[in-house]
N, C-alpha and C. Protein backbone atom coordinates (compact mmCIF):
# COMPACT_ATOMS: atom_id res chain seq x y z
N UNK A 1 95.45 57.12 150.38
CA UNK A 1 94.33 57.21 149.44
C UNK A 1 94.50 58.44 148.56
N UNK A 2 94.36 58.29 147.25
CA UNK A 2 94.55 59.39 146.32
C UNK A 2 93.38 60.36 146.38
N UNK A 3 93.69 61.65 146.47
CA UNK A 3 92.66 62.67 146.48
C UNK A 3 92.16 62.92 145.07
N UNK A 4 90.84 62.98 144.91
CA UNK A 4 90.27 63.21 143.59
C UNK A 4 90.56 64.63 143.13
N UNK A 5 91.04 64.76 141.90
CA UNK A 5 91.36 66.08 141.36
C UNK A 5 90.06 66.82 141.01
N UNK A 6 89.95 68.09 141.37
CA UNK A 6 88.76 68.85 140.97
C UNK A 6 88.61 68.84 139.45
N UNK A 7 87.36 68.87 138.98
CA UNK A 7 87.07 68.87 137.55
C UNK A 7 86.53 70.24 137.16
N UNK A 8 87.10 70.82 136.11
CA UNK A 8 86.64 72.11 135.61
C UNK A 8 86.09 71.94 134.20
N UNK A 9 84.79 72.20 134.05
CA UNK A 9 84.18 72.28 132.72
C UNK A 9 84.36 73.71 132.24
N UNK A 10 84.92 73.85 131.04
CA UNK A 10 85.30 75.17 130.56
C UNK A 10 85.07 75.27 129.05
N UNK A 11 85.02 76.50 128.58
CA UNK A 11 85.00 76.78 127.14
C UNK A 11 86.02 77.88 126.91
N UNK A 12 86.96 77.64 126.04
CA UNK A 12 88.15 78.48 125.91
C UNK A 12 87.83 79.96 125.77
N UNK A 13 86.86 80.34 124.96
CA UNK A 13 86.64 81.75 124.64
C UNK A 13 85.63 82.44 125.56
N UNK A 14 85.01 81.70 126.46
CA UNK A 14 84.02 82.31 127.36
C UNK A 14 84.73 83.18 128.40
N UNK A 15 84.36 84.45 128.54
CA UNK A 15 85.06 85.30 129.52
C UNK A 15 84.88 84.84 130.96
N UNK A 16 83.74 84.25 131.27
CA UNK A 16 83.54 83.73 132.63
C UNK A 16 84.49 82.56 132.89
N UNK A 17 84.63 81.68 131.90
CA UNK A 17 85.56 80.56 132.05
C UNK A 17 87.00 81.04 132.07
N UNK A 18 87.30 82.07 131.28
CA UNK A 18 88.66 82.63 131.29
C UNK A 18 89.06 83.07 132.68
N UNK A 19 88.17 83.80 133.35
CA UNK A 19 88.58 84.32 134.64
C UNK A 19 88.70 83.22 135.69
N UNK A 20 87.93 82.18 135.55
CA UNK A 20 88.11 81.03 136.44
C UNK A 20 89.48 80.40 136.21
N UNK A 21 89.86 80.24 134.94
CA UNK A 21 91.17 79.64 134.63
C UNK A 21 92.31 80.55 135.07
N UNK A 22 92.11 81.86 134.96
CA UNK A 22 93.13 82.80 135.43
C UNK A 22 93.39 82.62 136.93
N UNK A 23 92.33 82.52 137.71
CA UNK A 23 92.50 82.38 139.16
C UNK A 23 93.08 81.02 139.53
N UNK A 24 92.64 79.98 138.85
CA UNK A 24 93.17 78.64 139.13
C UNK A 24 94.66 78.61 138.84
N UNK A 25 95.05 79.17 137.71
CA UNK A 25 96.47 79.19 137.34
C UNK A 25 97.27 80.10 138.27
N UNK A 26 96.74 81.28 138.54
CA UNK A 26 97.45 82.22 139.39
C UNK A 26 97.62 81.73 140.81
N UNK A 27 96.70 80.89 141.27
CA UNK A 27 96.78 80.37 142.64
C UNK A 27 97.64 79.12 142.74
N UNK A 28 98.01 78.57 141.59
CA UNK A 28 98.83 77.36 141.61
C UNK A 28 98.05 76.08 141.82
N UNK A 29 96.73 76.15 141.66
CA UNK A 29 95.92 74.94 141.79
C UNK A 29 95.99 74.12 140.50
N UNK A 30 95.56 72.88 140.59
CA UNK A 30 95.51 72.01 139.42
C UNK A 30 94.14 71.36 139.36
N UNK A 31 93.57 71.32 138.16
CA UNK A 31 92.26 70.71 137.96
C UNK A 31 92.30 69.81 136.74
N UNK A 32 91.31 68.94 136.65
CA UNK A 32 91.12 68.14 135.44
C UNK A 32 90.23 68.95 134.51
N UNK A 33 90.79 69.41 133.40
CA UNK A 33 90.06 70.28 132.48
C UNK A 33 89.21 69.46 131.53
N UNK A 34 87.96 69.89 131.37
CA UNK A 34 87.06 69.29 130.39
C UNK A 34 86.54 70.40 129.49
N UNK A 35 87.14 70.52 128.33
CA UNK A 35 86.74 71.54 127.36
C UNK A 35 85.44 71.10 126.69
N UNK A 36 84.45 71.99 126.69
CA UNK A 36 83.14 71.61 126.17
C UNK A 36 82.80 72.44 124.94
N UNK A 37 81.83 71.95 124.19
CA UNK A 37 81.23 72.69 123.08
C UNK A 37 79.87 73.15 123.56
N UNK A 38 79.64 74.46 123.55
CA UNK A 38 78.44 75.00 124.18
C UNK A 38 77.15 74.54 123.51
N UNK A 39 77.21 74.22 122.23
CA UNK A 39 76.01 73.77 121.53
C UNK A 39 75.69 72.30 121.81
N UNK A 40 76.63 71.60 122.43
CA UNK A 40 76.43 70.17 122.70
C UNK A 40 77.11 69.84 124.02
N UNK A 41 76.52 70.33 125.11
CA UNK A 41 77.13 70.18 126.43
C UNK A 41 77.05 68.73 126.90
N UNK A 42 78.11 68.25 127.52
CA UNK A 42 78.12 66.85 127.95
C UNK A 42 77.13 66.59 129.08
N UNK A 43 76.60 65.38 129.09
CA UNK A 43 75.61 65.01 130.10
C UNK A 43 76.19 65.11 131.51
N UNK A 44 77.47 64.78 131.66
CA UNK A 44 78.09 64.83 132.99
C UNK A 44 78.10 66.25 133.55
N UNK A 45 78.31 67.23 132.69
CA UNK A 45 78.28 68.62 133.13
C UNK A 45 76.86 69.04 133.52
N UNK A 46 75.89 68.66 132.71
CA UNK A 46 74.50 69.02 133.00
C UNK A 46 74.00 68.35 134.27
N UNK A 47 74.50 67.16 134.53
CA UNK A 47 74.12 66.47 135.76
C UNK A 47 74.73 67.19 136.97
N UNK A 48 75.96 67.66 136.82
CA UNK A 48 76.63 68.36 137.92
C UNK A 48 75.99 69.72 138.17
N UNK A 49 75.60 70.40 137.08
CA UNK A 49 75.04 71.75 137.21
C UNK A 49 73.94 71.95 136.18
N UNK A 50 72.69 71.80 136.58
CA UNK A 50 71.57 72.03 135.65
C UNK A 50 71.53 73.45 135.10
N UNK A 51 72.26 74.37 135.72
CA UNK A 51 72.35 75.74 135.20
C UNK A 51 72.88 75.75 133.77
N UNK A 52 73.73 74.78 133.45
CA UNK A 52 74.18 74.52 132.08
C UNK A 52 75.01 75.63 131.46
N UNK A 53 75.76 76.35 132.29
CA UNK A 53 76.68 77.36 131.78
C UNK A 53 78.08 77.08 132.33
N UNK A 54 79.09 77.45 131.56
CA UNK A 54 80.46 77.31 132.04
C UNK A 54 80.89 78.63 132.70
N UNK A 55 81.83 78.52 133.64
CA UNK A 55 82.53 77.33 134.10
C UNK A 55 81.76 76.60 135.20
N UNK A 56 82.09 75.32 135.34
CA UNK A 56 81.57 74.51 136.44
C UNK A 56 82.75 73.79 137.07
N UNK A 57 82.90 73.94 138.37
CA UNK A 57 83.97 73.26 139.11
C UNK A 57 83.34 72.20 139.99
N UNK A 58 83.73 70.95 139.75
CA UNK A 58 83.20 69.84 140.53
C UNK A 58 84.26 69.42 141.54
N UNK A 59 83.95 69.62 142.81
CA UNK A 59 84.83 69.23 143.91
C UNK A 59 84.30 67.94 144.53
N UNK A 60 85.12 67.26 145.32
CA UNK A 60 84.64 66.02 145.93
C UNK A 60 83.39 66.19 146.79
N UNK A 61 83.22 67.38 147.38
CA UNK A 61 82.11 67.57 148.31
C UNK A 61 81.04 68.55 147.84
N UNK A 62 81.27 69.23 146.70
CA UNK A 62 80.27 70.19 146.23
C UNK A 62 80.59 70.62 144.80
N UNK A 63 79.65 71.35 144.21
CA UNK A 63 79.81 71.90 142.86
C UNK A 63 79.74 73.42 142.95
N UNK A 64 80.66 74.09 142.28
CA UNK A 64 80.65 75.56 142.21
C UNK A 64 80.42 75.94 140.75
N UNK A 65 79.33 76.65 140.48
CA UNK A 65 79.02 76.97 139.09
C UNK A 65 78.86 78.47 138.84
N UNK A 66 79.48 79.28 139.69
CA UNK A 66 79.59 80.71 139.44
C UNK A 66 81.07 81.06 139.34
N UNK A 67 81.45 81.76 138.28
CA UNK A 67 82.87 82.02 138.03
C UNK A 67 83.52 82.79 139.17
N UNK A 68 82.81 83.76 139.73
CA UNK A 68 83.39 84.53 140.84
C UNK A 68 83.68 83.63 142.03
N UNK A 69 82.80 82.69 142.28
CA UNK A 69 83.00 81.78 143.41
C UNK A 69 84.14 80.81 143.14
N UNK A 70 84.31 80.41 141.88
CA UNK A 70 85.45 79.55 141.53
C UNK A 70 86.75 80.31 141.74
N UNK A 71 86.78 81.58 141.35
CA UNK A 71 87.98 82.39 141.57
C UNK A 71 88.32 82.47 143.05
N UNK A 72 87.31 82.73 143.86
CA UNK A 72 87.56 82.85 145.30
C UNK A 72 87.98 81.52 145.90
N UNK A 73 87.36 80.43 145.44
CA UNK A 73 87.77 79.11 145.93
C UNK A 73 89.26 78.89 145.67
N UNK A 74 89.69 79.16 144.44
CA UNK A 74 91.09 78.93 144.09
C UNK A 74 92.02 79.78 144.94
N UNK A 75 91.67 81.05 145.10
CA UNK A 75 92.55 81.97 145.82
C UNK A 75 92.53 81.73 147.33
N UNK A 76 91.47 81.12 147.83
CA UNK A 76 91.46 80.76 149.25
C UNK A 76 92.33 79.54 149.53
N UNK A 77 92.57 78.74 148.49
CA UNK A 77 93.52 77.64 148.65
C UNK A 77 94.94 78.19 148.72
N UNK A 78 95.21 79.19 147.87
CA UNK A 78 96.53 79.81 147.82
C UNK A 78 96.42 81.12 147.05
N UNK A 79 96.99 82.17 147.61
CA UNK A 79 96.94 83.49 146.98
C UNK A 79 98.34 84.09 146.99
N UNK A 80 99.26 83.51 146.22
CA UNK A 80 100.67 83.92 146.31
C UNK A 80 100.92 85.35 145.87
N UNK A 81 100.03 85.92 145.06
CA UNK A 81 100.23 87.28 144.56
C UNK A 81 99.30 88.29 145.23
N UNK A 82 98.60 87.86 146.27
CA UNK A 82 97.71 88.72 147.05
C UNK A 82 96.64 89.37 146.18
N UNK A 83 96.04 88.60 145.29
CA UNK A 83 94.96 89.13 144.46
C UNK A 83 93.73 89.50 145.29
N UNK A 84 93.55 88.82 146.41
CA UNK A 84 92.37 89.10 147.24
C UNK A 84 92.54 90.36 148.09
N UNK A 85 93.76 90.88 148.17
CA UNK A 85 94.03 92.10 148.97
C UNK A 85 93.44 91.94 150.37
N UNK A 86 93.67 90.80 150.96
CA UNK A 86 93.02 90.45 152.23
C UNK A 86 93.40 91.38 153.37
N UNK A 87 94.52 92.08 153.25
CA UNK A 87 94.98 92.95 154.33
C UNK A 87 94.53 94.40 154.16
N UNK A 88 93.67 94.66 153.18
CA UNK A 88 93.25 96.04 152.91
C UNK A 88 91.73 96.09 152.69
N UNK A 89 90.96 96.38 153.74
CA UNK A 89 89.49 96.40 153.62
C UNK A 89 88.99 97.38 152.57
N UNK A 90 89.67 98.52 152.40
CA UNK A 90 89.23 99.49 151.40
C UNK A 90 89.35 98.91 149.99
N UNK A 91 90.45 98.23 149.71
CA UNK A 91 90.62 97.61 148.40
C UNK A 91 89.61 96.49 148.20
N UNK A 92 89.34 95.73 149.25
CA UNK A 92 88.34 94.67 149.15
C UNK A 92 86.99 95.24 148.74
N UNK A 93 86.63 96.36 149.34
CA UNK A 93 85.35 97.01 149.03
C UNK A 93 85.34 97.47 147.58
N UNK A 94 86.45 98.06 147.13
CA UNK A 94 86.54 98.51 145.73
C UNK A 94 86.44 97.34 144.77
N UNK A 95 87.13 96.25 145.09
CA UNK A 95 87.11 95.07 144.23
C UNK A 95 85.69 94.56 144.05
N UNK A 96 84.97 94.42 145.16
CA UNK A 96 83.61 93.90 145.09
C UNK A 96 82.71 94.82 144.25
N UNK A 97 82.86 96.12 144.44
CA UNK A 97 82.04 97.06 143.68
C UNK A 97 82.32 97.01 142.20
N UNK A 98 83.59 96.92 141.83
CA UNK A 98 83.95 96.87 140.41
C UNK A 98 83.45 95.60 139.74
N UNK A 99 83.61 94.48 140.42
CA UNK A 99 83.16 93.22 139.83
C UNK A 99 81.64 93.19 139.71
N UNK A 100 80.97 93.73 140.71
CA UNK A 100 79.51 93.77 140.67
C UNK A 100 79.02 94.62 139.50
N UNK A 101 79.64 95.77 139.29
CA UNK A 101 79.24 96.61 138.15
C UNK A 101 79.52 95.90 136.83
N UNK A 102 80.66 95.24 136.74
CA UNK A 102 80.98 94.52 135.52
C UNK A 102 79.94 93.45 135.21
N UNK A 103 79.61 92.66 136.22
CA UNK A 103 78.74 91.50 136.00
C UNK A 103 77.27 91.89 135.84
N UNK A 104 76.84 92.88 136.61
CA UNK A 104 75.41 93.22 136.62
C UNK A 104 75.03 94.28 135.60
N UNK A 105 75.98 95.14 135.23
CA UNK A 105 75.65 96.27 134.36
C UNK A 105 76.42 96.20 133.04
N UNK A 106 77.74 96.19 133.12
CA UNK A 106 78.56 96.25 131.90
C UNK A 106 78.29 95.06 130.98
N UNK A 107 78.21 93.87 131.53
CA UNK A 107 78.03 92.68 130.69
C UNK A 107 76.71 92.73 129.93
N UNK A 108 75.68 93.27 130.54
CA UNK A 108 74.40 93.39 129.85
C UNK A 108 74.52 94.32 128.65
N UNK A 109 75.18 95.46 128.84
CA UNK A 109 75.37 96.39 127.72
C UNK A 109 76.32 95.80 126.68
N UNK A 110 77.34 95.08 127.13
CA UNK A 110 78.30 94.46 126.21
C UNK A 110 77.60 93.46 125.29
N UNK A 111 76.72 92.65 125.84
CA UNK A 111 76.00 91.68 125.01
C UNK A 111 75.18 92.38 123.94
N UNK A 112 74.56 93.49 124.31
CA UNK A 112 73.75 94.23 123.35
C UNK A 112 74.62 94.94 122.31
N UNK A 113 75.77 95.39 122.72
CA UNK A 113 76.71 96.02 121.79
C UNK A 113 77.25 94.99 120.80
N UNK A 114 77.62 93.83 121.30
CA UNK A 114 78.21 92.80 120.44
C UNK A 114 77.17 92.17 119.52
N UNK A 115 75.98 91.94 120.05
CA UNK A 115 74.92 91.27 119.28
C UNK A 115 73.76 92.23 119.04
N UNK A 116 74.07 93.43 118.58
CA UNK A 116 73.05 94.49 118.49
C UNK A 116 71.90 94.12 117.56
N UNK A 117 72.15 93.21 116.61
CA UNK A 117 71.07 92.81 115.70
C UNK A 117 69.93 92.13 116.46
N UNK A 118 70.26 91.53 117.59
CA UNK A 118 69.23 90.84 118.39
C UNK A 118 68.43 91.81 119.25
N UNK A 119 68.91 93.04 119.35
CA UNK A 119 68.28 94.03 120.23
C UNK A 119 67.97 95.29 119.42
N UNK A 120 66.96 95.24 118.56
CA UNK A 120 66.69 96.34 117.63
C UNK A 120 66.12 97.60 118.28
N UNK A 121 65.94 97.58 119.58
CA UNK A 121 65.39 98.76 120.24
C UNK A 121 66.29 99.97 120.16
N UNK A 122 67.61 99.74 120.03
CA UNK A 122 68.57 100.83 119.95
C UNK A 122 69.66 100.47 118.95
N UNK A 123 70.47 101.46 118.60
CA UNK A 123 71.58 101.24 117.67
C UNK A 123 72.78 100.64 118.41
N UNK A 124 73.71 100.10 117.63
CA UNK A 124 74.94 99.59 118.22
C UNK A 124 75.70 100.72 118.93
N UNK A 125 75.69 101.89 118.34
CA UNK A 125 76.38 103.03 118.96
C UNK A 125 75.78 103.35 120.33
N UNK A 126 74.47 103.26 120.43
CA UNK A 126 73.82 103.52 121.73
C UNK A 126 74.32 102.53 122.77
N UNK A 127 74.36 101.24 122.42
CA UNK A 127 74.81 100.24 123.39
C UNK A 127 76.27 100.44 123.75
N UNK A 128 77.07 100.87 122.78
CA UNK A 128 78.48 101.16 123.08
C UNK A 128 78.59 102.31 124.07
N UNK A 129 77.77 103.31 123.89
CA UNK A 129 77.80 104.45 124.81
C UNK A 129 77.43 104.03 126.23
N UNK A 130 76.52 103.07 126.35
CA UNK A 130 76.19 102.56 127.69
C UNK A 130 77.40 101.85 128.30
N UNK A 131 78.13 101.12 127.47
CA UNK A 131 79.35 100.46 127.95
C UNK A 131 80.38 101.48 128.41
N UNK A 132 80.40 102.61 127.74
CA UNK A 132 81.43 103.61 128.04
C UNK A 132 81.32 104.20 129.44
N UNK A 133 80.17 104.10 130.05
CA UNK A 133 80.05 104.57 131.44
C UNK A 133 81.03 103.79 132.32
N UNK A 134 81.06 102.47 132.13
CA UNK A 134 82.00 101.64 132.89
C UNK A 134 83.43 101.87 132.42
N UNK A 135 83.63 101.98 131.11
CA UNK A 135 84.99 102.20 130.61
C UNK A 135 85.59 103.47 131.21
N UNK A 136 84.80 104.51 131.32
CA UNK A 136 85.29 105.77 131.87
C UNK A 136 85.70 105.62 133.33
N UNK A 137 84.95 104.83 134.08
CA UNK A 137 85.30 104.61 135.49
C UNK A 137 86.60 103.81 135.61
N UNK A 138 86.74 102.82 134.76
CA UNK A 138 87.98 102.04 134.78
C UNK A 138 89.17 102.91 134.37
N UNK A 139 88.97 103.73 133.35
CA UNK A 139 90.03 104.64 132.91
C UNK A 139 90.46 105.56 134.04
N UNK A 140 89.50 106.09 134.78
CA UNK A 140 89.83 106.99 135.89
C UNK A 140 90.67 106.28 136.94
N UNK A 141 90.33 105.03 137.24
CA UNK A 141 91.12 104.26 138.21
C UNK A 141 92.53 104.02 137.70
N UNK A 142 92.63 103.68 136.41
CA UNK A 142 93.93 103.34 135.84
C UNK A 142 94.79 104.57 135.57
N UNK A 143 94.19 105.74 135.57
CA UNK A 143 94.98 106.97 135.51
C UNK A 143 95.69 107.22 136.84
N UNK A 144 95.16 106.64 137.91
CA UNK A 144 95.72 106.86 139.24
C UNK A 144 96.78 105.84 139.62
N UNK A 145 96.61 104.59 139.13
CA UNK A 145 97.59 103.55 139.44
C UNK A 145 97.60 102.51 138.33
N UNK A 146 98.57 101.63 138.37
CA UNK A 146 98.80 100.71 137.25
C UNK A 146 97.69 99.68 137.06
N UNK A 147 97.03 99.32 138.16
CA UNK A 147 95.97 98.31 138.08
C UNK A 147 94.70 98.86 138.72
N UNK A 148 93.64 98.11 138.71
CA UNK A 148 92.34 98.70 138.99
C UNK A 148 92.18 99.25 140.40
N UNK A 149 92.79 98.59 141.39
CA UNK A 149 92.62 99.11 142.75
C UNK A 149 93.95 99.44 143.42
N UNK A 150 95.04 99.43 142.67
CA UNK A 150 96.33 99.73 143.27
C UNK A 150 97.47 99.45 142.32
N UNK A 151 98.64 99.24 142.88
CA UNK A 151 99.84 99.08 142.07
C UNK A 151 100.23 97.62 141.84
N UNK A 152 99.34 96.70 142.17
CA UNK A 152 99.56 95.31 141.79
C UNK A 152 98.23 94.70 141.35
N UNK A 153 98.33 93.63 140.60
CA UNK A 153 97.14 92.94 140.09
C UNK A 153 96.29 92.45 141.26
N UNK A 154 94.99 92.56 141.10
CA UNK A 154 94.05 92.08 142.11
C UNK A 154 92.98 91.22 141.46
N UNK A 155 92.10 90.70 142.28
CA UNK A 155 90.96 89.94 141.79
C UNK A 155 90.14 90.76 140.80
N UNK A 156 90.04 92.07 141.02
CA UNK A 156 89.27 92.92 140.11
C UNK A 156 89.83 92.87 138.70
N UNK A 157 91.15 92.98 138.56
CA UNK A 157 91.77 92.95 137.24
C UNK A 157 91.48 91.63 136.53
N UNK A 158 91.64 90.53 137.26
CA UNK A 158 91.47 89.21 136.66
C UNK A 158 90.01 88.93 136.33
N UNK A 159 89.09 89.46 137.13
CA UNK A 159 87.67 89.20 136.90
C UNK A 159 87.11 90.04 135.76
N UNK A 160 87.68 91.23 135.54
CA UNK A 160 87.13 92.17 134.57
C UNK A 160 87.84 92.12 133.22
N UNK A 161 89.12 91.83 133.24
CA UNK A 161 89.92 91.83 132.01
C UNK A 161 89.29 91.04 130.85
N UNK A 162 88.79 89.81 131.06
CA UNK A 162 88.23 89.07 129.91
C UNK A 162 87.05 89.77 129.24
N UNK A 163 86.32 90.58 129.99
CA UNK A 163 85.16 91.26 129.42
C UNK A 163 85.58 92.51 128.65
N UNK A 164 86.63 93.19 129.10
CA UNK A 164 87.16 94.31 128.34
C UNK A 164 87.79 93.80 127.05
N UNK A 165 88.43 92.66 127.12
CA UNK A 165 88.95 92.02 125.91
C UNK A 165 87.82 91.77 124.92
N UNK A 166 86.71 91.23 125.41
CA UNK A 166 85.58 90.95 124.54
C UNK A 166 85.02 92.23 123.94
N UNK A 167 84.92 93.27 124.75
CA UNK A 167 84.44 94.56 124.25
C UNK A 167 85.35 95.08 123.15
N UNK A 168 86.65 95.07 123.39
CA UNK A 168 87.60 95.61 122.42
C UNK A 168 87.54 94.86 121.10
N UNK A 169 87.28 93.57 121.14
CA UNK A 169 87.27 92.76 119.93
C UNK A 169 86.06 93.04 119.04
N UNK A 170 85.03 93.67 119.57
CA UNK A 170 83.87 94.00 118.73
C UNK A 170 84.28 94.99 117.64
N UNK A 171 85.08 95.98 118.01
CA UNK A 171 85.56 96.98 117.05
C UNK A 171 86.90 97.49 117.54
N UNK A 172 87.96 96.77 117.17
CA UNK A 172 89.29 97.10 117.68
C UNK A 172 89.73 98.49 117.24
N UNK A 173 89.40 98.88 116.02
CA UNK A 173 89.80 100.21 115.54
C UNK A 173 89.19 101.30 116.41
N UNK A 174 87.92 101.14 116.73
CA UNK A 174 87.28 102.14 117.59
C UNK A 174 87.92 102.15 118.96
N UNK A 175 88.09 100.96 119.55
CA UNK A 175 88.60 100.89 120.92
C UNK A 175 89.97 101.54 121.04
N UNK A 176 90.86 101.25 120.11
CA UNK A 176 92.23 101.73 120.25
C UNK A 176 92.42 103.18 119.78
N UNK A 177 91.35 103.81 119.33
CA UNK A 177 91.41 105.25 119.05
C UNK A 177 90.50 106.03 120.00
N UNK A 178 89.82 105.33 120.89
CA UNK A 178 88.94 105.98 121.87
C UNK A 178 89.80 106.62 122.98
N UNK A 179 89.23 107.57 123.72
CA UNK A 179 90.01 108.31 124.72
C UNK A 179 90.19 107.54 126.04
N UNK A 180 90.73 106.32 125.92
CA UNK A 180 90.97 105.50 127.11
C UNK A 180 92.39 104.94 127.08
N UNK A 181 93.40 105.80 127.07
CA UNK A 181 94.79 105.31 126.91
C UNK A 181 95.25 104.40 128.04
N UNK A 182 94.85 104.70 129.26
CA UNK A 182 95.28 103.85 130.38
C UNK A 182 94.62 102.48 130.30
N UNK A 183 93.36 102.46 129.92
CA UNK A 183 92.64 101.18 129.78
C UNK A 183 93.24 100.37 128.64
N UNK A 184 93.62 101.02 127.57
CA UNK A 184 94.26 100.32 126.45
C UNK A 184 95.58 99.70 126.88
N UNK A 185 96.39 100.45 127.61
CA UNK A 185 97.67 99.91 128.09
C UNK A 185 97.45 98.73 129.03
N UNK A 186 96.47 98.88 129.90
CA UNK A 186 96.14 97.81 130.86
C UNK A 186 95.69 96.55 130.14
N UNK A 187 94.83 96.71 129.14
CA UNK A 187 94.37 95.55 128.37
C UNK A 187 95.54 94.88 127.66
N UNK A 188 96.39 95.67 127.02
CA UNK A 188 97.52 95.09 126.30
C UNK A 188 98.47 94.37 127.25
N UNK A 189 98.65 94.92 128.45
CA UNK A 189 99.50 94.26 129.44
C UNK A 189 99.00 92.85 129.72
N UNK A 190 97.71 92.71 129.93
CA UNK A 190 97.15 91.39 130.24
C UNK A 190 97.15 90.48 129.01
N UNK A 191 96.84 91.03 127.85
CA UNK A 191 96.83 90.22 126.64
C UNK A 191 98.21 89.65 126.33
N UNK A 192 99.25 90.39 126.66
CA UNK A 192 100.62 89.98 126.35
C UNK A 192 101.28 89.19 127.48
N UNK A 193 100.55 88.96 128.56
CA UNK A 193 101.14 88.29 129.72
C UNK A 193 101.30 86.79 129.50
N UNK A 194 102.27 86.23 130.18
CA UNK A 194 102.47 84.78 130.13
C UNK A 194 101.27 84.05 130.73
N UNK A 195 100.65 84.66 131.73
CA UNK A 195 99.48 84.04 132.36
C UNK A 195 98.35 83.87 131.36
N UNK A 196 98.07 84.92 130.59
CA UNK A 196 96.98 84.82 129.61
C UNK A 196 97.32 83.79 128.54
N UNK A 197 98.55 83.77 128.08
CA UNK A 197 98.95 82.76 127.09
C UNK A 197 98.74 81.35 127.63
N UNK A 198 99.05 81.17 128.91
CA UNK A 198 98.92 79.84 129.51
C UNK A 198 97.47 79.38 129.58
N UNK A 199 96.56 80.30 129.89
CA UNK A 199 95.16 79.87 130.07
C UNK A 199 94.41 79.78 128.75
N UNK A 200 95.03 80.27 127.66
CA UNK A 200 94.37 80.23 126.35
C UNK A 200 94.88 79.11 125.45
N UNK A 201 95.66 78.22 126.02
CA UNK A 201 96.09 77.05 125.25
C UNK A 201 94.87 76.27 124.76
N UNK A 202 94.93 75.77 123.55
CA UNK A 202 93.79 75.04 122.98
C UNK A 202 93.81 73.57 123.42
N UNK A 203 92.62 73.09 123.76
CA UNK A 203 92.44 71.69 124.15
C UNK A 203 91.33 71.09 123.31
N UNK A 204 91.43 69.80 123.02
CA UNK A 204 90.34 69.16 122.27
C UNK A 204 89.08 69.04 123.11
N UNK A 205 87.97 68.93 122.45
CA UNK A 205 86.69 68.73 123.14
C UNK A 205 86.75 67.47 123.99
N UNK A 206 86.26 67.60 125.23
CA UNK A 206 86.24 66.44 126.12
C UNK A 206 85.09 65.51 125.78
N UNK A 207 85.38 64.23 125.79
CA UNK A 207 84.36 63.19 125.60
C UNK A 207 84.43 62.23 126.77
N UNK A 208 83.29 61.68 127.14
CA UNK A 208 83.24 60.69 128.22
C UNK A 208 84.21 59.56 127.92
N UNK A 209 85.04 59.23 128.91
CA UNK A 209 86.02 58.17 128.73
C UNK A 209 87.40 58.65 128.34
N UNK A 210 87.54 59.95 128.03
CA UNK A 210 88.85 60.49 127.67
C UNK A 210 89.80 60.46 128.87
N UNK A 211 91.08 60.43 128.56
CA UNK A 211 92.09 60.52 129.61
C UNK A 211 92.01 61.89 130.29
N UNK A 212 92.43 61.93 131.54
CA UNK A 212 92.41 63.18 132.30
C UNK A 212 93.41 64.16 131.69
N UNK A 213 92.96 65.40 131.52
CA UNK A 213 93.82 66.49 131.05
C UNK A 213 94.02 67.44 132.22
N UNK A 214 95.22 67.46 132.78
CA UNK A 214 95.49 68.34 133.91
C UNK A 214 95.72 69.76 133.44
N UNK A 215 95.15 70.70 134.18
CA UNK A 215 95.30 72.12 133.87
C UNK A 215 95.73 72.85 135.12
N UNK A 216 96.64 73.81 135.06
CA UNK A 216 97.33 74.23 133.82
C UNK A 216 98.46 73.25 133.47
């Protein structure tokens, strides 16, 4: 009996969807990719996850609609590069703390920095300064080693990288002249990687009845 391929609803430029695709690709898993348009989400996705945000992973027995959980699902199937750092409790603790700060604190400030017109309570510069609290912490880590928690890529790097990319794109001139040389090198390393190129391939919008598109 043929096993049903997991279905991933994704949007190419969404940082949450990016990190899910990074983990799926890095773990060697394969999914049926359904590229969506956020302004016109398909009914099948909304039925699977009323939360209505990407990414959504539909498995034969359950639905996972949090990007961090999709990353962990993929890496628990296979973790050939030891992104989970399963043999180092200290690194595991650091990874969880960094991702939590990114998701709960940095992303909130990033949204206000990027879309400052929607948040007139403060200036864009103010919101950028709030983001810099996290940037400074990442810079300090990267001054000590090549990646966020050590000398090899971990779940923290893959989970946080898409959001630093988004931050840098708001004002690239500012970012690349700011006092974060290690963070700049780290970002460029990931942007230029074969893995990032692979997960950023363009796919047409999925429509009901389309042929299966296997990813990666």
